[in-house]
Each structure stands twice: as structure tokens, then as C-alpha cells.
N, C-alpha and C. Protein backbone atom coordinates (compact mmCIF):
# COMPACT_ATOMS: atom_id res chain seq x y z
N UNK A 1 -18.92 23.84 -4.30
CA UNK A 1 -17.77 22.98 -4.45
C UNK A 1 -18.22 21.66 -5.10
N UNK A 2 -17.46 21.22 -6.08
CA UNK A 2 -17.75 19.97 -6.76
C UNK A 2 -17.56 18.79 -5.79
N UNK A 3 -18.39 17.73 -5.91
CA UNK A 3 -18.22 16.57 -5.03
C UNK A 3 -16.82 15.96 -5.13
N UNK A 4 -16.27 15.92 -6.34
CA UNK A 4 -14.93 15.35 -6.50
C UNK A 4 -13.89 16.16 -5.74
N UNK A 5 -14.04 17.49 -5.76
CA UNK A 5 -13.10 18.33 -5.02
C UNK A 5 -13.25 18.13 -3.52
N UNK A 6 -14.48 17.96 -3.06
CA UNK A 6 -14.70 17.72 -1.63
C UNK A 6 -14.05 16.41 -1.20
N UNK A 7 -14.14 15.40 -2.05
CA UNK A 7 -13.50 14.11 -1.73
C UNK A 7 -11.98 14.27 -1.69
N UNK A 8 -11.44 14.99 -2.67
CA UNK A 8 -9.99 15.21 -2.70
C UNK A 8 -9.53 15.96 -1.46
N UNK A 9 -10.24 17.02 -1.10
CA UNK A 9 -9.87 17.80 0.08
C UNK A 9 -9.97 16.93 1.33
N UNK A 10 -11.02 16.14 1.41
CA UNK A 10 -11.18 15.23 2.55
C UNK A 10 -10.06 14.21 2.63
N UNK A 11 -9.69 13.62 1.50
CA UNK A 11 -8.64 12.60 1.49
C UNK A 11 -7.29 13.20 1.90
N UNK A 12 -6.95 14.36 1.34
CA UNK A 12 -5.68 15.00 1.71
C UNK A 12 -5.71 15.46 3.16
N UNK A 13 -6.86 15.86 3.66
CA UNK A 13 -6.97 16.26 5.07
C UNK A 13 -6.75 15.06 5.98
N UNK A 14 -7.31 13.93 5.61
CA UNK A 14 -7.11 12.71 6.40
C UNK A 14 -5.62 12.34 6.42
N UNK A 15 -4.96 12.45 5.26
CA UNK A 15 -3.52 12.16 5.21
C UNK A 15 -2.76 13.10 6.16
N UNK A 16 -3.15 14.37 6.19
CA UNK A 16 -2.51 15.31 7.10
C UNK A 16 -2.76 14.96 8.55
N UNK A 17 -3.97 14.54 8.87
CA UNK A 17 -4.29 14.14 10.24
C UNK A 17 -3.52 12.89 10.65
N UNK A 18 -3.38 11.94 9.72
CA UNK A 18 -2.60 10.74 10.01
C UNK A 18 -1.16 11.13 10.33
N UNK A 19 -0.64 12.08 9.60
CA UNK A 19 0.73 12.55 9.84
C UNK A 19 0.85 13.27 11.18
N UNK A 20 -0.21 13.94 11.60
CA UNK A 20 -0.19 14.67 12.87
C UNK A 20 -0.44 13.79 14.09
N UNK A 21 -1.05 12.63 13.89
CA UNK A 21 -1.40 11.77 15.01
C UNK A 21 -0.21 11.41 15.89
N UNK A 22 0.93 11.01 15.33
CA UNK A 22 2.07 10.71 16.21
C UNK A 22 2.58 11.94 16.97
N UNK A 23 2.49 13.10 16.34
CA UNK A 23 2.91 14.33 17.01
C UNK A 23 2.06 14.58 18.25
N UNK A 24 0.77 14.38 18.12
CA UNK A 24 -0.13 14.55 19.26
C UNK A 24 0.14 13.47 20.30
N UNK A 25 0.31 12.23 19.84
CA UNK A 25 0.55 11.13 20.78
C UNK A 25 1.84 11.35 21.58
N UNK A 26 2.84 11.94 20.94
CA UNK A 26 4.12 12.19 21.62
C UNK A 26 3.96 13.16 22.80
N UNK A 27 2.90 13.95 22.79
CA UNK A 27 2.66 14.89 23.88
C UNK A 27 2.12 14.20 25.13
N UNK A 28 1.58 12.99 24.96
CA UNK A 28 0.91 12.31 26.06
C UNK A 28 1.58 11.02 26.51
N UNK A 29 2.50 10.47 25.68
CA UNK A 29 3.13 9.21 26.05
C UNK A 29 4.55 9.15 25.51
N UNK A 30 5.38 8.45 26.23
CA UNK A 30 6.75 8.25 25.77
C UNK A 30 6.86 7.02 24.86
N UNK A 31 5.75 6.30 24.71
CA UNK A 31 5.73 5.12 23.85
C UNK A 31 5.89 5.50 22.37
N UNK A 32 5.47 6.69 22.03
CA UNK A 32 5.61 7.18 20.66
C UNK A 32 6.78 8.16 20.66
N UNK A 33 7.81 7.83 19.91
CA UNK A 33 9.02 8.66 19.91
C UNK A 33 9.53 8.80 18.47
N UNK A 34 8.90 9.69 17.72
CA UNK A 34 9.28 9.89 16.33
C UNK A 34 10.33 10.98 16.22
N UNK A 35 11.21 10.82 15.26
CA UNK A 35 12.20 11.85 14.95
C UNK A 35 11.71 12.64 13.74
N UNK A 36 12.42 13.70 13.43
CA UNK A 36 12.07 14.48 12.23
C UNK A 36 12.15 13.59 10.99
N UNK A 37 13.12 12.69 10.97
CA UNK A 37 13.27 11.77 9.84
C UNK A 37 12.02 10.91 9.68
N UNK A 38 11.46 10.42 10.78
CA UNK A 38 10.24 9.60 10.72
C UNK A 38 9.09 10.38 10.08
N UNK A 39 8.93 11.64 10.48
CA UNK A 39 7.86 12.47 9.91
C UNK A 39 8.10 12.72 8.42
N UNK A 40 9.35 12.93 8.04
CA UNK A 40 9.66 13.15 6.63
C UNK A 40 9.35 11.92 5.80
N UNK A 41 9.76 10.76 6.30
CA UNK A 41 9.50 9.50 5.56
C UNK A 41 8.00 9.28 5.41
N UNK A 42 7.25 9.44 6.48
CA UNK A 42 5.80 9.23 6.41
C UNK A 42 5.14 10.26 5.50
N UNK A 43 5.60 11.50 5.54
CA UNK A 43 5.05 12.53 4.64
C UNK A 43 5.31 12.15 3.19
N UNK A 44 6.50 11.65 2.90
CA UNK A 44 6.82 11.23 1.53
C UNK A 44 5.95 10.05 1.11
N UNK A 45 5.79 9.07 2.00
CA UNK A 45 4.96 7.90 1.67
C UNK A 45 3.51 8.31 1.44
N UNK A 46 2.94 9.08 2.37
CA UNK A 46 1.55 9.51 2.22
C UNK A 46 1.36 10.39 0.99
N UNK A 47 2.30 11.29 0.76
CA UNK A 47 2.21 12.16 -0.41
C UNK A 47 2.29 11.38 -1.71
N UNK A 48 3.18 10.41 -1.76
CA UNK A 48 3.32 9.59 -2.97
C UNK A 48 2.07 8.77 -3.21
N UNK A 49 1.55 8.15 -2.17
CA UNK A 49 0.31 7.37 -2.31
C UNK A 49 -0.83 8.29 -2.74
N UNK A 50 -0.92 9.47 -2.16
CA UNK A 50 -1.97 10.42 -2.52
C UNK A 50 -1.86 10.85 -3.98
N UNK A 51 -0.65 11.15 -4.43
CA UNK A 51 -0.47 11.54 -5.83
C UNK A 51 -0.77 10.38 -6.78
N UNK A 52 -0.40 9.17 -6.38
CA UNK A 52 -0.72 8.01 -7.20
C UNK A 52 -2.24 7.82 -7.29
N UNK A 53 -2.92 8.06 -6.17
CA UNK A 53 -4.39 7.95 -6.18
C UNK A 53 -4.99 9.00 -7.11
N UNK A 54 -4.50 10.22 -7.02
CA UNK A 54 -5.00 11.28 -7.92
C UNK A 54 -4.83 10.85 -9.38
N UNK A 55 -3.66 10.36 -9.71
CA UNK A 55 -3.37 9.94 -11.08
C UNK A 55 -4.28 8.79 -11.51
N UNK A 56 -4.36 7.76 -10.70
CA UNK A 56 -5.14 6.58 -11.08
C UNK A 56 -6.63 6.87 -11.13
N UNK A 57 -7.14 7.68 -10.21
CA UNK A 57 -8.56 7.98 -10.21
C UNK A 57 -8.96 8.81 -11.42
N UNK A 58 -8.04 9.55 -11.97
CA UNK A 58 -8.32 10.34 -13.17
C UNK A 58 -8.23 9.50 -14.45
N UNK A 59 -7.60 8.34 -14.36
CA UNK A 59 -7.44 7.50 -15.54
C UNK A 59 -8.75 6.87 -16.00
N UNK A 60 -9.66 6.65 -15.08
CA UNK A 60 -10.90 5.98 -15.44
C UNK A 60 -12.03 6.46 -14.54
N UNK A 61 -13.20 6.60 -15.13
CA UNK A 61 -14.39 6.95 -14.35
C UNK A 61 -15.05 5.71 -13.78
N UNK A 62 -14.56 4.54 -14.16
CA UNK A 62 -15.13 3.28 -13.69
C UNK A 62 -14.94 3.14 -12.18
N UNK A 63 -16.04 2.88 -11.48
CA UNK A 63 -15.95 2.68 -10.04
C UNK A 63 -15.14 1.43 -9.71
N UNK A 64 -15.24 0.40 -10.54
CA UNK A 64 -14.47 -0.82 -10.31
C UNK A 64 -12.97 -0.53 -10.43
N UNK A 65 -12.57 0.24 -11.44
CA UNK A 65 -11.16 0.60 -11.61
C UNK A 65 -10.68 1.41 -10.41
N UNK A 66 -11.48 2.38 -10.01
CA UNK A 66 -11.09 3.22 -8.87
C UNK A 66 -11.02 2.42 -7.58
N UNK A 67 -11.95 1.47 -7.41
CA UNK A 67 -11.90 0.61 -6.22
C UNK A 67 -10.65 -0.25 -6.25
N UNK A 68 -10.32 -0.80 -7.42
CA UNK A 68 -9.10 -1.60 -7.54
C UNK A 68 -7.86 -0.77 -7.23
N UNK A 69 -7.84 0.46 -7.75
CA UNK A 69 -6.70 1.35 -7.48
C UNK A 69 -6.61 1.66 -5.99
N UNK A 70 -7.75 1.94 -5.37
CA UNK A 70 -7.76 2.23 -3.94
C UNK A 70 -7.28 1.05 -3.11
N UNK A 71 -7.73 -0.14 -3.47
CA UNK A 71 -7.30 -1.34 -2.75
C UNK A 71 -5.81 -1.60 -2.94
N UNK A 72 -5.33 -1.45 -4.16
CA UNK A 72 -3.91 -1.68 -4.43
C UNK A 72 -3.05 -0.66 -3.68
N UNK A 73 -3.45 0.61 -3.74
CA UNK A 73 -2.69 1.64 -3.03
C UNK A 73 -2.76 1.45 -1.52
N UNK A 74 -3.92 1.02 -1.04
CA UNK A 74 -4.05 0.72 0.38
C UNK A 74 -3.14 -0.44 0.79
N UNK A 75 -3.04 -1.45 -0.07
CA UNK A 75 -2.15 -2.58 0.21
C UNK A 75 -0.70 -2.13 0.25
N UNK A 76 -0.34 -1.26 -0.69
CA UNK A 76 1.04 -0.73 -0.71
C UNK A 76 1.31 0.07 0.57
N UNK A 77 0.38 0.96 0.92
CA UNK A 77 0.55 1.78 2.12
C UNK A 77 0.65 0.92 3.37
N UNK A 78 -0.24 -0.05 3.49
CA UNK A 78 -0.25 -0.91 4.68
C UNK A 78 1.04 -1.71 4.78
N UNK A 79 1.53 -2.22 3.66
CA UNK A 79 2.77 -3.00 3.66
C UNK A 79 3.95 -2.14 4.09
N UNK A 80 4.02 -0.94 3.52
CA UNK A 80 5.12 -0.04 3.89
C UNK A 80 5.02 0.33 5.37
N UNK A 81 3.84 0.68 5.81
CA UNK A 81 3.65 1.13 7.20
C UNK A 81 4.00 0.00 8.18
N UNK A 82 3.48 -1.19 7.93
CA UNK A 82 3.76 -2.32 8.82
C UNK A 82 5.25 -2.65 8.82
N UNK A 83 5.85 -2.61 7.66
CA UNK A 83 7.25 -2.96 7.55
C UNK A 83 8.13 -1.94 8.27
N UNK A 84 7.81 -0.66 8.13
CA UNK A 84 8.60 0.37 8.81
C UNK A 84 8.34 0.39 10.32
N UNK A 85 7.11 0.13 10.71
CA UNK A 85 6.74 0.25 12.13
C UNK A 85 7.28 -0.91 12.96
N UNK A 86 6.99 -2.12 12.55
CA UNK A 86 7.36 -3.28 13.36
C UNK A 86 8.04 -4.39 12.56
N UNK A 87 8.03 -4.28 11.26
CA UNK A 87 8.58 -5.34 10.42
C UNK A 87 7.56 -6.44 10.21
N UNK A 88 7.61 -7.05 9.06
CA UNK A 88 6.69 -8.15 8.76
C UNK A 88 7.31 -9.46 9.22
N UNK A 89 8.59 -9.61 8.96
CA UNK A 89 9.33 -10.79 9.41
C UNK A 89 10.33 -10.31 10.45
N UNK A 90 10.23 -10.84 11.64
CA UNK A 90 11.13 -10.38 12.70
C UNK A 90 10.76 -8.97 13.11
N UNK A 91 11.77 -8.12 13.27
CA UNK A 91 11.49 -6.72 13.60
C UNK A 91 11.81 -5.84 12.40
N UNK A 92 11.59 -4.52 12.56
CA UNK A 92 11.76 -3.61 11.43
C UNK A 92 13.19 -3.55 10.90
N UNK A 93 14.17 -3.99 11.68
CA UNK A 93 15.57 -3.96 11.25
C UNK A 93 16.00 -5.26 10.56
N UNK A 94 15.14 -6.26 10.52
CA UNK A 94 15.49 -7.54 9.89
C UNK A 94 15.67 -7.35 8.39
N UNK A 95 16.81 -7.74 7.83
CA UNK A 95 17.05 -7.54 6.40
C UNK A 95 16.05 -8.26 5.49
N UNK A 96 15.41 -9.31 5.98
CA UNK A 96 14.42 -10.03 5.18
C UNK A 96 13.29 -9.10 4.75
N UNK A 97 12.99 -8.11 5.58
CA UNK A 97 11.90 -7.17 5.27
C UNK A 97 12.16 -6.35 4.02
N UNK A 98 13.42 -6.21 3.63
CA UNK A 98 13.73 -5.48 2.40
C UNK A 98 13.11 -6.14 1.18
N UNK A 99 12.89 -7.45 1.27
CA UNK A 99 12.26 -8.16 0.15
C UNK A 99 10.83 -7.68 -0.10
N UNK A 100 10.13 -7.25 0.94
CA UNK A 100 8.78 -6.71 0.78
C UNK A 100 8.82 -5.38 0.04
N UNK A 101 9.83 -4.57 0.34
CA UNK A 101 9.98 -3.31 -0.40
C UNK A 101 10.34 -3.59 -1.86
N UNK A 102 11.17 -4.60 -2.09
CA UNK A 102 11.53 -4.98 -3.46
C UNK A 102 10.30 -5.45 -4.23
N UNK A 103 9.44 -6.23 -3.57
CA UNK A 103 8.21 -6.68 -4.22
C UNK A 103 7.33 -5.49 -4.60
N UNK A 104 7.19 -4.53 -3.69
CA UNK A 104 6.38 -3.35 -3.99
C UNK A 104 6.97 -2.56 -5.15
N UNK A 105 8.28 -2.43 -5.19
CA UNK A 105 8.93 -1.72 -6.30
C UNK A 105 8.66 -2.44 -7.61
N UNK A 106 8.71 -3.76 -7.59
CA UNK A 106 8.42 -4.55 -8.78
C UNK A 106 6.98 -4.34 -9.23
N UNK A 107 6.05 -4.33 -8.29
CA UNK A 107 4.63 -4.15 -8.61
C UNK A 107 4.40 -2.78 -9.24
N UNK A 108 4.98 -1.74 -8.67
CA UNK A 108 4.81 -0.39 -9.21
C UNK A 108 5.44 -0.30 -10.60
N UNK A 109 6.63 -0.86 -10.77
CA UNK A 109 7.28 -0.86 -12.09
C UNK A 109 6.43 -1.61 -13.11
N UNK A 110 5.89 -2.75 -12.72
CA UNK A 110 5.03 -3.52 -13.63
C UNK A 110 3.79 -2.72 -14.02
N UNK A 111 3.19 -2.02 -13.06
CA UNK A 111 2.01 -1.19 -13.35
C UNK A 111 2.34 -0.10 -14.36
N UNK A 112 3.51 0.51 -14.21
CA UNK A 112 3.93 1.54 -15.16
C UNK A 112 4.13 0.92 -16.54
N UNK A 113 4.79 -0.23 -16.58
CA UNK A 113 5.09 -0.87 -17.86
C UNK A 113 3.83 -1.30 -18.62
N UNK A 114 2.77 -1.67 -17.89
CA UNK A 114 1.53 -2.07 -18.56
C UNK A 114 0.60 -0.88 -18.75
N UNK A 115 1.11 0.31 -18.47
CA UNK A 115 0.39 1.57 -18.69
C UNK A 115 -0.93 1.66 -17.94
N UNK A 116 -0.99 1.01 -16.79
CA UNK A 116 -2.13 1.12 -15.89
C UNK A 116 -3.44 0.66 -16.53
N UNK A 117 -3.38 -0.23 -17.50
CA UNK A 117 -4.59 -0.78 -18.10
C UNK A 117 -5.23 -1.78 -17.14
N UNK A 118 -6.54 -1.77 -17.10
CA UNK A 118 -7.30 -2.53 -16.09
C UNK A 118 -6.95 -4.02 -16.08
N UNK A 119 -7.05 -4.69 -17.21
CA UNK A 119 -6.79 -6.13 -17.23
C UNK A 119 -5.34 -6.42 -16.84
N UNK A 120 -4.43 -5.60 -17.30
CA UNK A 120 -3.02 -5.77 -16.95
C UNK A 120 -2.79 -5.55 -15.45
N UNK A 121 -3.49 -4.58 -14.89
CA UNK A 121 -3.36 -4.35 -13.45
C UNK A 121 -3.94 -5.50 -12.65
N UNK A 122 -4.96 -6.18 -13.19
CA UNK A 122 -5.47 -7.38 -12.53
C UNK A 122 -4.37 -8.43 -12.46
N UNK A 123 -3.64 -8.59 -13.55
CA UNK A 123 -2.55 -9.56 -13.58
C UNK A 123 -1.40 -9.14 -12.66
N UNK A 124 -1.11 -7.86 -12.62
CA UNK A 124 -0.07 -7.35 -11.72
C UNK A 124 -0.48 -7.63 -10.26
N UNK A 125 -1.76 -7.44 -9.96
CA UNK A 125 -2.25 -7.70 -8.60
C UNK A 125 -2.10 -9.18 -8.24
N UNK A 126 -2.42 -10.05 -9.19
CA UNK A 126 -2.23 -11.49 -8.95
C UNK A 126 -0.74 -11.79 -8.77
N UNK A 127 0.10 -11.09 -9.53
CA UNK A 127 1.54 -11.23 -9.35
C UNK A 127 1.99 -10.83 -7.96
N UNK A 128 1.37 -9.79 -7.41
CA UNK A 128 1.68 -9.36 -6.04
C UNK A 128 1.31 -10.46 -5.05
N UNK A 129 0.15 -11.09 -5.28
CA UNK A 129 -0.28 -12.19 -4.41
C UNK A 129 0.73 -13.34 -4.50
N UNK A 130 1.15 -13.68 -5.72
CA UNK A 130 2.12 -14.75 -5.90
C UNK A 130 3.45 -14.40 -5.23
N UNK A 131 3.87 -13.14 -5.37
CA UNK A 131 5.11 -12.71 -4.74
C UNK A 131 5.04 -12.79 -3.23
N UNK A 132 3.90 -12.39 -2.67
CA UNK A 132 3.73 -12.49 -1.21
C UNK A 132 3.73 -13.95 -0.76
N UNK A 133 3.09 -14.82 -1.55
CA UNK A 133 3.09 -16.24 -1.21
C UNK A 133 4.52 -16.79 -1.22
N UNK A 134 5.28 -16.40 -2.23
CA UNK A 134 6.67 -16.84 -2.32
C UNK A 134 7.48 -16.34 -1.12
N UNK A 135 7.28 -15.08 -0.76
CA UNK A 135 7.97 -14.56 0.42
C UNK A 135 7.54 -15.31 1.68
N UNK A 136 6.27 -15.69 1.75
CA UNK A 136 5.79 -16.46 2.89
C UNK A 136 6.46 -17.82 2.98
N UNK A 137 6.63 -18.47 1.84
CA UNK A 137 7.29 -19.78 1.80
C UNK A 137 8.77 -19.64 2.21
N UNK A 138 9.43 -18.64 1.65
CA UNK A 138 10.84 -18.42 2.00
C UNK A 138 10.98 -18.09 3.48
N UNK A 139 10.09 -17.24 3.98
CA UNK A 139 10.13 -16.88 5.40
C UNK A 139 9.91 -18.10 6.27
N UNK A 140 8.95 -18.95 5.90
CA UNK A 140 8.69 -20.17 6.67
C UNK A 140 9.91 -21.08 6.68
N UNK A 141 10.60 -21.16 5.55
CA UNK A 141 11.79 -22.02 5.50
C UNK A 141 12.92 -21.48 6.37
N UNK A 142 12.84 -20.19 6.71
CA UNK A 142 13.85 -19.57 7.59
C UNK A 142 13.38 -19.49 9.03
N UNK A 143 12.23 -20.10 9.33
CA UNK A 143 11.77 -20.16 10.71
C UNK A 143 10.83 -19.04 11.14
N UNK A 144 10.45 -18.15 10.22
CA UNK A 144 9.49 -17.10 10.56
C UNK A 144 8.07 -17.67 10.46
N UNK A 145 7.27 -17.36 11.42
CA UNK A 145 5.87 -17.79 11.40
C UNK A 145 5.02 -16.57 11.02
N UNK A 146 4.94 -16.30 9.71
CA UNK A 146 4.27 -15.07 9.27
C UNK A 146 3.09 -15.33 8.35
N UNK A 147 2.56 -16.54 8.34
CA UNK A 147 1.43 -16.80 7.44
C UNK A 147 0.21 -15.91 7.72
N UNK A 148 -0.13 -15.64 8.98
CA UNK A 148 -1.27 -14.73 9.19
C UNK A 148 -1.05 -13.35 8.55
N UNK A 149 0.16 -12.79 8.74
CA UNK A 149 0.46 -11.49 8.15
C UNK A 149 0.44 -11.57 6.63
N UNK A 150 0.99 -12.66 6.11
CA UNK A 150 1.05 -12.83 4.66
C UNK A 150 -0.35 -12.87 4.06
N UNK A 151 -1.25 -13.59 4.70
CA UNK A 151 -2.63 -13.69 4.20
C UNK A 151 -3.32 -12.33 4.27
N UNK A 152 -3.10 -11.59 5.37
CA UNK A 152 -3.68 -10.25 5.49
C UNK A 152 -3.16 -9.34 4.37
N UNK A 153 -1.88 -9.46 4.04
CA UNK A 153 -1.31 -8.64 2.97
C UNK A 153 -1.84 -9.06 1.59
N UNK A 154 -2.19 -10.33 1.43
CA UNK A 154 -2.69 -10.82 0.14
C UNK A 154 -4.12 -10.38 -0.15
N UNK A 155 -4.94 -10.28 0.86
CA UNK A 155 -6.38 -10.05 0.66
C UNK A 155 -6.71 -8.81 -0.16
N UNK A 156 -6.14 -7.64 0.13
CA UNK A 156 -6.50 -6.49 -0.69
C UNK A 156 -6.03 -6.63 -2.14
N UNK A 157 -4.93 -7.34 -2.36
CA UNK A 157 -4.46 -7.56 -3.74
C UNK A 157 -5.43 -8.45 -4.51
N UNK A 158 -5.98 -9.46 -3.82
CA UNK A 158 -6.96 -10.33 -4.46
C UNK A 158 -8.21 -9.53 -4.82
N UNK A 159 -8.66 -8.68 -3.89
CA UNK A 159 -9.83 -7.84 -4.15
C UNK A 159 -9.53 -6.84 -5.27
N UNK A 160 -8.32 -6.28 -5.28
CA UNK A 160 -7.95 -5.33 -6.35
C UNK A 160 -7.97 -6.02 -7.70
N UNK A 161 -7.46 -7.24 -7.76
CA UNK A 161 -7.47 -8.00 -9.03
C UNK A 161 -8.90 -8.19 -9.52
N UNK A 162 -9.80 -8.53 -8.61
CA UNK A 162 -11.20 -8.72 -8.99
C UNK A 162 -11.81 -7.41 -9.49
N UNK A 163 -11.50 -6.32 -8.83
CA UNK A 163 -12.03 -5.02 -9.26
C UNK A 163 -11.49 -4.63 -10.63
N UNK A 164 -10.19 -4.78 -10.85
CA UNK A 164 -9.60 -4.44 -12.14
C UNK A 164 -10.18 -5.34 -13.25
N UNK A 165 -10.40 -6.59 -12.93
CA UNK A 165 -11.00 -7.52 -13.91
C UNK A 165 -12.41 -7.05 -14.25
N UNK A 166 -13.16 -6.65 -13.24
CA UNK A 166 -14.52 -6.14 -13.46
C UNK A 166 -14.48 -4.87 -14.30
N UNK A 167 -13.51 -4.01 -14.04
CA UNK A 167 -13.39 -2.76 -14.80
C UNK A 167 -13.10 -3.05 -16.27
N UNK A 168 -12.37 -4.11 -16.53
CA UNK A 168 -12.04 -4.48 -17.92
C UNK A 168 -13.29 -4.93 -18.66
N UNK A 169 -14.16 -5.65 -18.00
CA UNK A 169 -15.35 -6.19 -18.68
C UNK A 169 -16.47 -5.16 -18.79
N UNK A 170 -16.39 -4.09 -18.00
CA UNK A 170 -17.46 -3.07 -18.02
C UNK A 170 -17.37 -2.20 -19.25
């Protein structure tokens, strides 16, 4: 088996295990109470992130590009997961949280429009950081104390920008 295939099989297996974890937890505690809809949404999110990773990792053999793609996709996954699970501002039902989904949609659209070129993706990543900062300022003006979460969400985008910039110069 090729090393690349082993990595792919391992990554998809991990995604499957992540999807199964709540199912197992539901057998032991009432704290986890997922519906079929929850499993479908998570399967769609994990599948989409996995397919995006497959696509981006095939675009370049550069380790810096692949690291940037992994960081960006991880940031997208973490933002979606946190927002669906508990919400970033307030709780998961707070309408303000829809702005985080809008930012992610903008980032993905921008990445498509720049054709996933490394230097352009570095700029898109910096745009994501700026968007998160703007959301943090707006949230603060509305009384939400979310700067710690905002900074945590910014960090992988900053690292992704650095990786994409490195990939451009390599």
C-alpha cells in the first residue's frame, strides 16, 4: 500500500470514528443526545472537509501548501463544530452566530475565486483573521465577551497564511 493511500485511509477512518463517538457516548450517558439530523449534519460537514482536503492536497506537493490547507480546513471545521455545539456568541441558537457561518462561506468563495493559489490563499487567510476581528468588535459592542474564543479562532488562520506564503516562495 502506498504511504499516501495509508494516510487517506487513516484520515477517513478518523472521520468515521469522530462520527461514531457520540453514538457510543449516548449508550453511557444522557448528556449526549443526538438525533438522526445531528448525525447527518456532522457526516456532511466531515465529508465536505475531507473532500476539500483531498482536493487541496492534490493541488500541490508542497508541504507548506498542504500544511496551510490542513490548518485552514481545521479552522473551518472547528468553527462549524463550536458554533453548532455551543455557539461562539451566546448559545448555539443565538442569531449572531450566523455571521460566523457567513464569514466561512465568504472565505470558501474567495478561495474558489482565487483558484486556490498559494499567495492568494495567504491573503484569504488574513481576510479570515480580519473578519473574525471585526466579528469580535461587533460582538463586544453587543455585550458578548468572546475575545478568548475569537483569538483561538484566529490562530490557525494566521498559521495557514504563513504556510501559504511559504509555499509561494518555495
